[in-house]
Amino acid sequence: MGRILAIDYGHKRVGLAVTDPLQLIATPLETIHSQDLLTYLKAYHQRDPLDALVIGMPKNLQNEATDSTSAVVGVVRRLRKEFPGVPVHEIDERFTSRMAHAAMLAGGLGKKDRRDKATVDKVAATIILQSYLESR
């Protein structure tokens, strides 16, 4: 059984999270520059095959597209082209950054760590992945 990898895509940074081999537990993986996403995913997939990719789809409170939605749609197209055998699932990512801050606060992270946007992106990707796992 392969892993499932989640992506919290941003114009500058991308938060990544991954499941364990049994696809039960979501764990923060890394934060990378958005330009490095495809290269990173190809290398990861070669050393540890992926069963699926999950990407957060940005929507506003009215469930409409945001400024970032078109960029994410483009990434989804590229992922489906580059990884034809790997299903790409889109998950509503509303409130994931706020939930990430709350989770980090509850987890006892200090103020400095909670302000680190790279950490927030990784935790947001983990929340996206956990949401996907619970919805299956």
C-alpha atoms as a PDB file:
ATOM      1  CA  MET A   1       0.000   0.000   0.000  1.00  0.00           C
ATOM      2  CA  GLY A   2       1.436   3.367  -0.986  1.00  0.00           C
ATOM      3  CA  ARG A   3       1.193   6.645   0.828  1.00  0.00           C
ATOM      4  CA  ILE A   4      -1.175   9.540   0.240  1.00  0.00           C
ATOM      5  CA  LEU A   5       0.423  12.976  -0.001  1.00  0.00           C
ATOM      6  CA  ALA A   6      -1.429  16.241   0.649  1.00  0.00           C
ATOM      7  CA  ILE A   7      -0.584  19.661  -0.742  1.00  0.00           C
ATOM      8  CA  ASP A   8      -1.415  23.065   0.725  1.00  0.00           C
ATOM      9  CA  TYR A   9      -0.492  25.171  -2.304  1.00  0.00           C
ATOM     10  CA  GLY A  10       0.511  28.818  -2.036  1.00  0.00           C
ATOM     11  CA  HIS A  11       2.106  31.204  -4.516  1.00  0.00           C
ATOM     12  CA  LYS A  12       5.392  31.202  -2.567  1.00  0.00           C
ATOM     13  CA  ARG A  13       5.347  28.117  -0.358  1.00  0.00           C
ATOM     14  CA  VAL A  14       3.754  24.686  -0.461  1.00  0.00           C
ATOM     15  CA  GLY A  15       3.008  22.733   2.693  1.00  0.00           C
ATOM     16  CA  LEU A  16       3.165  18.962   2.358  1.00  0.00           C
ATOM     17  CA  ALA A  17       1.853  16.154   4.539  1.00  0.00           C
ATOM     18  CA  VAL A  18       1.906  12.403   4.065  1.00  0.00           C
ATOM     19  CA  THR A  19       0.234   9.308   5.483  1.00  0.00           C
ATOM     20  CA  ASP A  20       1.901   6.304   6.998  1.00  0.00           C
ATOM     21  CA  PRO A  21       2.074   3.225   4.702  1.00  0.00           C
ATOM     22  CA  LEU A  22      -1.268   1.960   6.075  1.00  0.00           C
ATOM     23  CA  GLN A  23      -2.908   5.314   5.233  1.00  0.00           C
ATOM     24  CA  LEU A  24      -4.169   5.839   8.772  1.00  0.00           C
ATOM     25  CA  ILE A  25      -2.162   8.763  10.150  1.00  0.00           C
ATOM     26  CA  ALA A  26      -1.462  12.150   8.539  1.00  0.00           C
ATOM     27  CA  THR A  27       1.937  13.650   9.371  1.00  0.00           C
ATOM     28  CA  PRO A  28       3.513  16.981   8.357  1.00  0.00           C
ATOM     29  CA  LEU A  29       6.253  16.379   5.807  1.00  0.00           C
ATOM     30  CA  GLU A  30       7.904  19.561   4.594  1.00  0.00           C
ATOM     31  CA  THR A  31       7.431  23.079   3.273  1.00  0.00           C
ATOM     32  CA  ILE A  32       8.999  23.760  -0.116  1.00  0.00           C
ATOM     33  CA  HIS A  33       9.089  26.602  -2.624  1.00  0.00           C
ATOM     34  CA  SER A  34       6.145  26.421  -5.019  1.00  0.00           C
ATOM     35  CA  GLN A  35       8.458  26.291  -8.055  1.00  0.00           C
ATOM     36  CA  ASP A  36      10.027  23.081  -6.705  1.00  0.00           C
ATOM     37  CA  LEU A  37       6.742  21.188  -6.254  1.00  0.00           C
ATOM     38  CA  LEU A  38       6.776  18.924  -9.329  1.00  0.00           C
ATOM     39  CA  THR A  39      10.470  18.097  -8.995  1.00  0.00           C
ATOM     40  CA  TYR A  40      10.001  17.252  -5.322  1.00  0.00           C
ATOM     41  CA  LEU A  41       6.918  15.100  -5.973  1.00  0.00           C
ATOM     42  CA  LYS A  42       8.603  13.168  -8.800  1.00  0.00           C
ATOM     43  CA  ALA A  43      11.594  12.354  -6.592  1.00  0.00           C
ATOM     44  CA  TYR A  44       9.351  11.403  -3.674  1.00  0.00           C
ATOM     45  CA  HIS A  45       7.156   9.186  -5.878  1.00  0.00           C
ATOM     46  CA  GLN A  46      10.220   7.355  -7.227  1.00  0.00           C
ATOM     47  CA  ARG A  47      11.548   6.444  -3.789  1.00  0.00           C
ATOM     48  CA  ASP A  48       8.161   5.935  -2.083  1.00  0.00           C
ATOM     49  CA  PRO A  49       5.245   5.311  -4.505  1.00  0.00           C
ATOM     50  CA  LEU A  50       2.115   7.362  -3.937  1.00  0.00           C
ATOM     51  CA  ASP A  51      -1.415   5.933  -4.068  1.00  0.00           C
ATOM     52  CA  ALA A  52      -3.028   9.372  -4.293  1.00  0.00           C
ATOM     53  CA  LEU A  53      -2.469  13.113  -4.104  1.00  0.00           C
ATOM     54  CA  VAL A  54      -4.799  15.438  -2.201  1.00  0.00           C
ATOM     55  CA  ILE A  55      -4.738  19.175  -2.812  1.00  0.00           C
ATOM     56  CA  GLY A  56      -6.536  21.910  -0.928  1.00  0.00           C
ATOM     57  CA  MET A  57      -8.874  23.913  -3.168  1.00  0.00           C
ATOM     58  CA  PRO A  58      -9.219  27.521  -1.981  1.00  0.00           C
ATOM     59  CA  LYS A  59     -12.769  28.844  -1.659  1.00  0.00           C
ATOM     60  CA  ASN A  60     -14.194  31.847   0.151  1.00  0.00           C
ATOM     61  CA  LEU A  61     -16.988  31.735   2.719  1.00  0.00           C
ATOM     62  CA  GLN A  62     -19.599  31.846  -0.057  1.00  0.00           C
ATOM     63  CA  ASN A  63     -18.014  28.717  -1.621  1.00  0.00           C
ATOM     64  CA  GLU A  64     -16.761  30.778  -4.577  1.00  0.00           C
ATOM     65  CA  ALA A  65     -13.324  30.875  -6.185  1.00  0.00           C
ATOM     66  CA  THR A  66     -10.624  33.064  -4.631  1.00  0.00           C
ATOM     67  CA  ASP A  67      -7.571  34.783  -6.131  1.00  0.00           C
ATOM     68  CA  SER A  68      -5.588  31.560  -5.578  1.00  0.00           C
ATOM     69  CA  THR A  69      -8.108  29.141  -7.068  1.00  0.00           C
ATOM     70  CA  SER A  70      -6.921  29.482 -10.684  1.00  0.00           C
ATOM     71  CA  ALA A  71      -3.328  28.777  -9.662  1.00  0.00           C
ATOM     72  CA  VAL A  72      -4.396  25.635  -7.815  1.00  0.00           C
ATOM     73  CA  VAL A  73      -6.510  24.487 -10.782  1.00  0.00           C
ATOM     74  CA  GLY A  74      -3.380  24.841 -12.941  1.00  0.00           C
ATOM     75  CA  VAL A  75      -1.373  22.773 -10.459  1.00  0.00           C
ATOM     76  CA  VAL A  76      -4.082  20.081 -10.462  1.00  0.00           C
ATOM     77  CA  ARG A  77      -3.880  19.911 -14.281  1.00  0.00           C
ATOM     78  CA  ARG A  78      -0.095  19.551 -14.173  1.00  0.00           C
ATOM     79  CA  LEU A  79      -0.298  16.884 -11.453  1.00  0.00           C
ATOM     80  CA  ARG A  80      -2.781  14.842 -13.478  1.00  0.00           C
ATOM     81  CA  LYS A  81      -0.520  15.128 -16.532  1.00  0.00           C
ATOM     82  CA  GLU A  82       2.746  14.298 -14.710  1.00  0.00           C
ATOM     83  CA  PHE A  83       1.268  11.509 -12.551  1.00  0.00           C
ATOM     84  CA  PRO A  84      -1.332   9.822 -14.794  1.00  0.00           C
ATOM     85  CA  GLY A  85      -1.614   6.707 -12.619  1.00  0.00           C
ATOM     86  CA  VAL A  86      -2.062   8.623  -9.364  1.00  0.00           C
ATOM     87  CA  PRO A  87      -5.535   9.973  -8.552  1.00  0.00           C
ATOM     88  CA  VAL A  88      -5.629  13.666  -7.586  1.00  0.00           C
ATOM     89  CA  HIS A  89      -8.372  14.615  -5.111  1.00  0.00           C
ATOM     90  CA  GLU A  90      -9.447  18.179  -4.382  1.00  0.00           C
ATOM     91  CA  ILE A  91     -10.497  19.065  -0.819  1.00  0.00           C
ATOM     92  CA  ASP A  92     -12.099  22.260   0.443  1.00  0.00           C
ATOM     93  CA  GLU A  93      -9.374  24.080   2.357  1.00  0.00           C
ATOM     94  CA  ARG A  94     -11.459  26.816   3.993  1.00  0.00           C
ATOM     95  CA  PHE A  95     -10.351  27.465   7.560  1.00  0.00           C
ATOM     96  CA  THR A  96      -7.298  25.161   7.376  1.00  0.00           C
ATOM     97  CA  SER A  97      -4.855  27.969   8.240  1.00  0.00           C
ATOM     98  CA  ARG A  98      -7.012  29.016  11.183  1.00  0.00           C
ATOM     99  CA  MET A  99      -7.313  25.378  12.277  1.00  0.00           C
ATOM    100  CA  ALA A 100      -3.543  24.995  11.916  1.00  0.00           C
ATOM    101  CA  HIS A 101      -2.966  27.953  14.250  1.00  0.00           C
ATOM    102  CA  ALA A 102      -5.420  26.492  16.760  1.00  0.00           C
ATOM    103  CA  ALA A 103      -3.778  23.056  16.570  1.00  0.00           C
ATOM    104  CA  MET A 104      -0.315  24.549  17.079  1.00  0.00           C
ATOM    105  CA  LEU A 105      -1.572  26.550  20.081  1.00  0.00           C
ATOM    106  CA  ALA A 106      -3.217  23.455  21.559  1.00  0.00           C
ATOM    107  CA  GLY A 107      -0.013  21.512  20.904  1.00  0.00           C
ATOM    108  CA  GLY A 108       1.979  23.966  22.989  1.00  0.00           C
ATOM    109  CA  LEU A 109       4.035  25.585  20.231  1.00  0.00           C
ATOM    110  CA  GLY A 110       5.528  28.905  21.218  1.00  0.00           C
ATOM    111  CA  LYS A 111       4.546  32.227  19.712  1.00  0.00           C
ATOM    112  CA  LYS A 112       7.643  32.329  17.495  1.00  0.00           C
ATOM    113  CA  ASP A 113       6.915  28.874  16.033  1.00  0.00           C
ATOM    114  CA  ARG A 114       3.240  29.741  15.453  1.00  0.00           C
ATOM    115  CA  ARG A 115       4.307  32.785  13.420  1.00  0.00           C
ATOM    116  CA  ASP A 116       6.502  30.643  11.154  1.00  0.00           C
ATOM    117  CA  LYS A 117       4.457  30.437   7.947  1.00  0.00           C
ATOM    118  CA  ALA A 118       6.313  27.322   6.800  1.00  0.00           C
ATOM    119  CA  THR A 119       5.141  25.501   9.924  1.00  0.00           C
ATOM    120  CA  VAL A 120       1.581  26.755   9.415  1.00  0.00           C
ATOM    121  CA  ASP A 121       1.635  25.468   5.804  1.00  0.00           C
ATOM    122  CA  LYS A 122       2.796  21.991   6.884  1.00  0.00           C
ATOM    123  CA  VAL A 123       0.145  21.785   9.581  1.00  0.00           C
ATOM    124  CA  ALA A 124      -2.528  23.035   7.145  1.00  0.00           C
ATOM    125  CA  ALA A 125      -1.515  20.288   4.686  1.00  0.00           C
ATOM    126  CA  THR A 126      -1.842  17.769   7.523  1.00  0.00           C
ATOM    127  CA  ILE A 127      -5.354  19.026   8.291  1.00  0.00           C
ATOM    128  CA  ILE A 128      -6.282  18.746   4.597  1.00  0.00           C
ATOM    129  CA  LEU A 129      -4.971  15.180   4.545  1.00  0.00           C
ATOM    130  CA  GLN A 130      -6.721  14.229   7.779  1.00  0.00           C
ATOM    131  CA  SER A 131      -9.959  15.664   6.405  1.00  0.00           C
ATOM    132  CA  TYR A 132      -9.557  13.526   3.277  1.00  0.00           C
ATOM    133  CA  LEU A 133      -8.836  10.390   5.324  1.00  0.00           C
ATOM    134  CA  GLU A 134     -11.922  10.946   7.475  1.00  0.00           C
ATOM    135  CA  SER A 135     -14.128  11.519   4.408  1.00  0.00           C
ATOM    136  CA  ARG A 136     -13.278   8.153   2.820  1.00  0.00           C
END
